[in-house]
Amino acid sequence: MKDPDAAVRAAVERVFAVFAATGSARQVVTAFARDHLSFPARIRTGPHRGELVWGPL
């Protein structure tokens, strides 16, 4: 299921694009860090459950 948030979809697509280009999960993480990109996550518990947060991949 795709997330309704376009920024989330773009971040996930970027992960797959970098992996396709490099063939390495480590290179994906390195590219995100080098380009100062964050990756989305949803809070799973507590009062902010379901909220979107961005952080390092």
PDB file of N, CA and C in Angstrom:
ATOM      1  N   MET A   1       0.841  -1.161   0.000  1.00  0.00           N
ATOM      2  CA  MET A   1       0.000   0.000   0.000  1.00  0.00           C
ATOM      3  C   MET A   1       0.895   1.235   0.000  1.00  0.00           C
ATOM      4  N   LYS A   2       0.630   2.152  -0.908  1.00  0.00           N
ATOM      5  CA  LYS A   2       1.417   3.375  -0.976  1.00  0.00           C
ATOM      6  C   LYS A   2       0.878   4.405   0.004  1.00  0.00           C
ATOM      7  N   ASP A   3       1.788   5.131   0.612  1.00  0.00           N
ATOM      8  CA  ASP A   3       1.415   6.185   1.544  1.00  0.00           C
ATOM      9  C   ASP A   3       0.776   7.333   0.771  1.00  0.00           C
ATOM     10  N   PRO A   4      -0.241   7.967   1.321  1.00  0.00           N
ATOM     11  CA  PRO A   4      -0.867   9.087   0.617  1.00  0.00           C
ATOM     12  C   PRO A   4       0.013  10.341   0.538  1.00  0.00           C
ATOM     13  N   ASP A   5       1.033  10.410   1.369  1.00  0.00           N
ATOM     14  CA  ASP A   5       1.920  11.572   1.401  1.00  0.00           C
ATOM     15  C   ASP A   5       2.940  11.471   0.256  1.00  0.00           C
ATOM     16  N   ALA A   6       2.957  12.457  -0.627  1.00  0.00           N
ATOM     17  CA  ALA A   6       3.857  12.447  -1.785  1.00  0.00           C
ATOM     18  C   ALA A   6       5.332  12.465  -1.370  1.00  0.00           C
ATOM     19  N   ALA A   7       5.665  13.146  -0.291  1.00  0.00           N
ATOM     20  CA  ALA A   7       7.055  13.203   0.164  1.00  0.00           C
ATOM     21  C   ALA A   7       7.523  11.831   0.648  1.00  0.00           C
ATOM     22  N   VAL A   8       6.637  11.092   1.288  1.00  0.00           N
ATOM     23  CA  VAL A   8       6.969   9.742   1.740  1.00  0.00           C
ATOM     24  C   VAL A   8       7.216   8.847   0.532  1.00  0.00           C
ATOM     25  N   ARG A   9       6.318   8.916  -0.432  1.00  0.00           N
ATOM     26  CA  ARG A   9       6.484   8.099  -1.638  1.00  0.00           C
ATOM     27  C   ARG A   9       7.790   8.446  -2.344  1.00  0.00           C
ATOM     28  N   ALA A  10       8.135   9.719  -2.405  1.00  0.00           N
ATOM     29  CA  ALA A  10       9.371  10.142  -3.076  1.00  0.00           C
ATOM     30  C   ALA A  10      10.601   9.597  -2.350  1.00  0.00           C
ATOM     31  N   ALA A  11      10.578   9.608  -1.026  1.00  0.00           N
ATOM     32  CA  ALA A  11      11.713   9.092  -0.253  1.00  0.00           C
ATOM     33  C   ALA A  11      11.884   7.593  -0.487  1.00  0.00           C
ATOM     34  N   VAL A  12      10.788   6.861  -0.501  1.00  0.00           N
ATOM     35  CA  VAL A  12      10.860   5.413  -0.726  1.00  0.00           C
ATOM     36  C   VAL A  12      11.348   5.131  -2.148  1.00  0.00           C
ATOM     37  N   GLU A  13      10.843   5.876  -3.102  1.00  0.00           N
ATOM     38  CA  GLU A  13      11.292   5.704  -4.488  1.00  0.00           C
ATOM     39  C   GLU A  13      12.775   5.987  -4.622  1.00  0.00           C
ATOM     40  N   ARG A  14      13.264   6.973  -3.881  1.00  0.00           N
ATOM     41  CA  ARG A  14      14.696   7.302  -3.933  1.00  0.00           C
ATOM     42  C   ARG A  14      15.529   6.142  -3.391  1.00  0.00           C
ATOM     43  N   VAL A  15      15.060   5.506  -2.320  1.00  0.00           N
ATOM     44  CA  VAL A  15      15.774   4.344  -1.775  1.00  0.00           C
ATOM     45  C   VAL A  15      15.936   3.288  -2.861  1.00  0.00           C
ATOM     46  N   PHE A  16      14.843   2.975  -3.547  1.00  0.00           N
ATOM     47  CA  PHE A  16      14.908   1.935  -4.576  1.00  0.00           C
ATOM     48  C   PHE A  16      15.757   2.374  -5.765  1.00  0.00           C
ATOM     49  N   ALA A  17      15.713   3.639  -6.122  1.00  0.00           N
ATOM     50  CA  ALA A  17      16.515   4.128  -7.244  1.00  0.00           C
ATOM     51  C   ALA A  17      18.007   4.045  -6.931  1.00  0.00           C
ATOM     52  N   VAL A  18      18.392   4.470  -5.735  1.00  0.00           N
ATOM     53  CA  VAL A  18      19.807   4.419  -5.360  1.00  0.00           C
ATOM     54  C   VAL A  18      20.263   2.968  -5.258  1.00  0.00           C
ATOM     55  N   PHE A  19      19.404   2.101  -4.708  1.00  0.00           N
ATOM     56  CA  PHE A  19      19.780   0.693  -4.623  1.00  0.00           C
ATOM     57  C   PHE A  19      19.940   0.086  -6.011  1.00  0.00           C
ATOM     58  N   ALA A  20      19.048   0.429  -6.929  1.00  0.00           N
ATOM     59  CA  ALA A  20      19.147  -0.094  -8.295  1.00  0.00           C
ATOM     60  C   ALA A  20      20.443   0.364  -8.953  1.00  0.00           C
ATOM     61  N   ALA A  21      20.853   1.586  -8.664  1.00  0.00           N
ATOM     62  CA  ALA A  21      22.067   2.138  -9.272  1.00  0.00           C
ATOM     63  C   ALA A  21      23.343   1.565  -8.656  1.00  0.00           C
ATOM     64  N   THR A  22      23.301   1.276  -7.345  1.00  0.00           N
ATOM     65  CA  THR A  22      24.521   0.859  -6.652  1.00  0.00           C
ATOM     66  C   THR A  22      24.552  -0.615  -6.296  1.00  0.00           C
ATOM     67  N   GLY A  23      23.380  -1.224  -6.103  1.00  0.00           N
ATOM     68  CA  GLY A  23      23.313  -2.616  -5.698  1.00  0.00           C
ATOM     69  C   GLY A  23      23.709  -2.845  -4.255  1.00  0.00           C
ATOM     70  N   SER A  24      23.708  -1.788  -3.462  1.00  0.00           N
ATOM     71  CA  SER A  24      24.190  -1.900  -2.089  1.00  0.00           C
ATOM     72  C   SER A  24      23.313  -1.104  -1.127  1.00  0.00           C
ATOM     73  N   ALA A  25      22.831  -1.771  -0.084  1.00  0.00           N
ATOM     74  CA  ALA A  25      22.054  -1.074   0.940  1.00  0.00           C
ATOM     75  C   ALA A  25      22.935  -0.062   1.674  1.00  0.00           C
ATOM     76  N   ARG A  26      24.179  -0.419   1.887  1.00  0.00           N
ATOM     77  CA  ARG A  26      25.100   0.508   2.559  1.00  0.00           C
ATOM     78  C   ARG A  26      25.268   1.787   1.739  1.00  0.00           C
ATOM     79  N   GLN A  27      25.346   1.660   0.434  1.00  0.00           N
ATOM     80  CA  GLN A  27      25.477   2.832  -0.423  1.00  0.00           C
ATOM     81  C   GLN A  27      24.217   3.696  -0.388  1.00  0.00           C
ATOM     82  N   VAL A  28      23.069   3.071  -0.190  1.00  0.00           N
ATOM     83  CA  VAL A  28      21.820   3.829  -0.054  1.00  0.00           C
ATOM     84  C   VAL A  28      21.905   4.707   1.194  1.00  0.00           C
ATOM     85  N   VAL A  29      22.305   4.107   2.308  1.00  0.00           N
ATOM     86  CA  VAL A  29      22.421   4.857   3.563  1.00  0.00           C
ATOM     87  C   VAL A  29      23.468   5.957   3.423  1.00  0.00           C
ATOM     88  N   THR A  30      24.578   5.628   2.790  1.00  0.00           N
ATOM     89  CA  THR A  30      25.644   6.616   2.582  1.00  0.00           C
ATOM     90  C   THR A  30      25.156   7.782   1.730  1.00  0.00           C
ATOM     91  N   ALA A  31      24.414   7.498   0.677  1.00  0.00           N
ATOM     92  CA  ALA A  31      23.901   8.549  -0.207  1.00  0.00           C
ATOM     93  C   ALA A  31      22.920   9.451   0.531  1.00  0.00           C
ATOM     94  N   PHE A  32      22.046   8.865   1.335  1.00  0.00           N
ATOM     95  CA  PHE A  32      21.095   9.675   2.103  1.00  0.00           C
ATOM     96  C   PHE A  32      21.844  10.583   3.077  1.00  0.00           C
ATOM     97  N   ALA A  33      22.851  10.050   3.758  1.00  0.00           N
ATOM     98  CA  ALA A  33      23.625  10.852   4.709  1.00  0.00           C
ATOM     99  C   ALA A  33      24.402  11.953   3.985  1.00  0.00           C
ATOM    100  N   ARG A  34      25.034  11.593   2.874  1.00  0.00           N
ATOM    101  CA  ARG A  34      25.823  12.565   2.104  1.00  0.00           C
ATOM    102  C   ARG A  34      24.959  13.722   1.617  1.00  0.00           C
ATOM    103  N   ASP A  35      23.737  13.398   1.187  1.00  0.00           N
ATOM    104  CA  ASP A  35      22.841  14.415   0.646  1.00  0.00           C
ATOM    105  C   ASP A  35      21.950  15.056   1.706  1.00  0.00           C
ATOM    106  N   HIS A  36      22.196  14.728   2.975  1.00  0.00           N
ATOM    107  CA  HIS A  36      21.430  15.277   4.107  1.00  0.00           C
ATOM    108  C   HIS A  36      19.927  15.037   3.941  1.00  0.00           C
ATOM    109  N   LEU A  37      19.579  13.803   3.528  1.00  0.00           N
ATOM    110  CA  LEU A  37      18.182  13.439   3.336  1.00  0.00           C
ATOM    111  C   LEU A  37      17.678  12.671   4.547  1.00  0.00           C
ATOM    112  N   SER A  38      16.425  12.885   4.874  1.00  0.00           N
ATOM    113  CA  SER A  38      15.775  12.158   5.953  1.00  0.00           C
ATOM    114  C   SER A  38      14.848  11.107   5.362  1.00  0.00           C
ATOM    115  N   PHE A  39      14.461  10.159   6.223  1.00  0.00           N
ATOM    116  CA  PHE A  39      13.545   9.108   5.801  1.00  0.00           C
ATOM    117  C   PHE A  39      12.359   9.098   6.761  1.00  0.00           C
ATOM    118  N   PRO A  40      11.170   8.869   6.226  1.00  0.00           N
ATOM    119  CA  PRO A  40       9.968   8.935   7.068  1.00  0.00           C
ATOM    120  C   PRO A  40       9.730   7.665   7.879  1.00  0.00           C
ATOM    121  N   ALA A  41       9.070   7.857   8.996  1.00  0.00           N
ATOM    122  CA  ALA A  41       8.598   6.740   9.822  1.00  0.00           C
ATOM    123  C   ALA A  41       7.323   7.200  10.507  1.00  0.00           C
ATOM    124  N   ARG A  42       6.481   6.266  10.811  1.00  0.00           N
ATOM    125  CA  ARG A  42       5.257   6.575  11.553  1.00  0.00           C
ATOM    126  C   ARG A  42       5.436   6.101  12.996  1.00  0.00           C
ATOM    127  N   ILE A  43       5.050   6.941  13.930  1.00  0.00           N
ATOM    128  CA  ILE A  43       5.103   6.571  15.344  1.00  0.00           C
ATOM    129  C   ILE A  43       4.075   5.473  15.570  1.00  0.00           C
ATOM    130  N   ARG A  44       4.484   4.406  16.235  1.00  0.00           N
ATOM    131  CA  ARG A  44       3.642   3.221  16.363  1.00  0.00           C
ATOM    132  C   ARG A  44       2.842   3.152  17.664  1.00  0.00           C
ATOM    133  N   THR A  45       3.290   3.852  18.698  1.00  0.00           N
ATOM    134  CA  THR A  45       2.603   3.762  19.985  1.00  0.00           C
ATOM    135  C   THR A  45       2.502   5.129  20.635  1.00  0.00           C
ATOM    136  N   GLY A  46       1.720   5.194  21.684  1.00  0.00           N
ATOM    137  CA  GLY A  46       1.621   6.415  22.480  1.00  0.00           C
ATOM    138  C   GLY A  46       0.644   7.426  21.914  1.00  0.00           C
ATOM    139  N   PRO A  47       0.632   8.596  22.525  1.00  0.00           N
ATOM    140  CA  PRO A  47      -0.351   9.611  22.142  1.00  0.00           C
ATOM    141  C   PRO A  47      -0.146  10.175  20.731  1.00  0.00           C
ATOM    142  N   HIS A  48       1.046   9.999  20.177  1.00  0.00           N
ATOM    143  CA  HIS A  48       1.331  10.517  18.832  1.00  0.00           C
ATOM    144  C   HIS A  48       1.303   9.414  17.781  1.00  0.00           C
ATOM    145  N   ARG A  49       0.676   8.291  18.148  1.00  0.00           N
ATOM    146  CA  ARG A  49       0.598   7.140  17.246  1.00  0.00           C
ATOM    147  C   ARG A  49       0.057   7.557  15.879  1.00  0.00           C
ATOM    148  N   GLY A  50       0.752   7.109  14.834  1.00  0.00           N
ATOM    149  CA  GLY A  50       0.338   7.399  13.471  1.00  0.00           C
ATOM    150  C   GLY A  50       0.930   8.662  12.884  1.00  0.00           C
ATOM    151  N   GLU A  51       1.543   9.493  13.728  1.00  0.00           N
ATOM    152  CA  GLU A  51       2.153  10.725  13.215  1.00  0.00           C
ATOM    153  C   GLU A  51       3.410  10.390  12.428  1.00  0.00           C
ATOM    154  N   LEU A  52       3.684  11.219  11.454  1.00  0.00           N
ATOM    155  CA  LEU A  52       4.857  11.050  10.598  1.00  0.00           C
ATOM    156  C   LEU A  52       6.033  11.824  11.177  1.00  0.00           C
ATOM    157  N   VAL A  53       7.174  11.158  11.283  1.00  0.00           N
ATOM    158  CA  VAL A  53       8.412  11.807  11.703  1.00  0.00           C
ATOM    159  C   VAL A  53       9.485  11.507  10.669  1.00  0.00           C
ATOM    160  N   TRP A  54      10.441  12.388  10.561  1.00  0.00           N
ATOM    161  CA  TRP A  54      11.541  12.220   9.619  1.00  0.00           C
ATOM    162  C   TRP A  54      12.846  12.143  10.383  1.00  0.00           C
ATOM    163  N   GLY A  55      13.732  11.242   9.940  1.00  0.00           N
ATOM    164  CA  GLY A  55      15.015  11.077  10.594  1.00  0.00           C
ATOM    165  C   GLY A  55      16.001  10.396   9.674  1.00  0.00           C
ATOM    166  N   PRO A  56      17.176  10.098  10.196  1.00  0.00           N
ATOM    167  CA  PRO A  56      18.194   9.431   9.375  1.00  0.00           C
ATOM    168  C   PRO A  56      17.732   8.056   8.918  1.00  0.00           C
ATOM    169  N   LEU A  57      18.204   7.682   7.774  1.00  0.00           N
ATOM    170  CA  LEU A  57      17.859   6.349   7.247  1.00  0.00           C
ATOM    171  C   LEU A  57      18.633   5.285   7.972  1.00  0.00           C
TER     172      LEU A  57
END
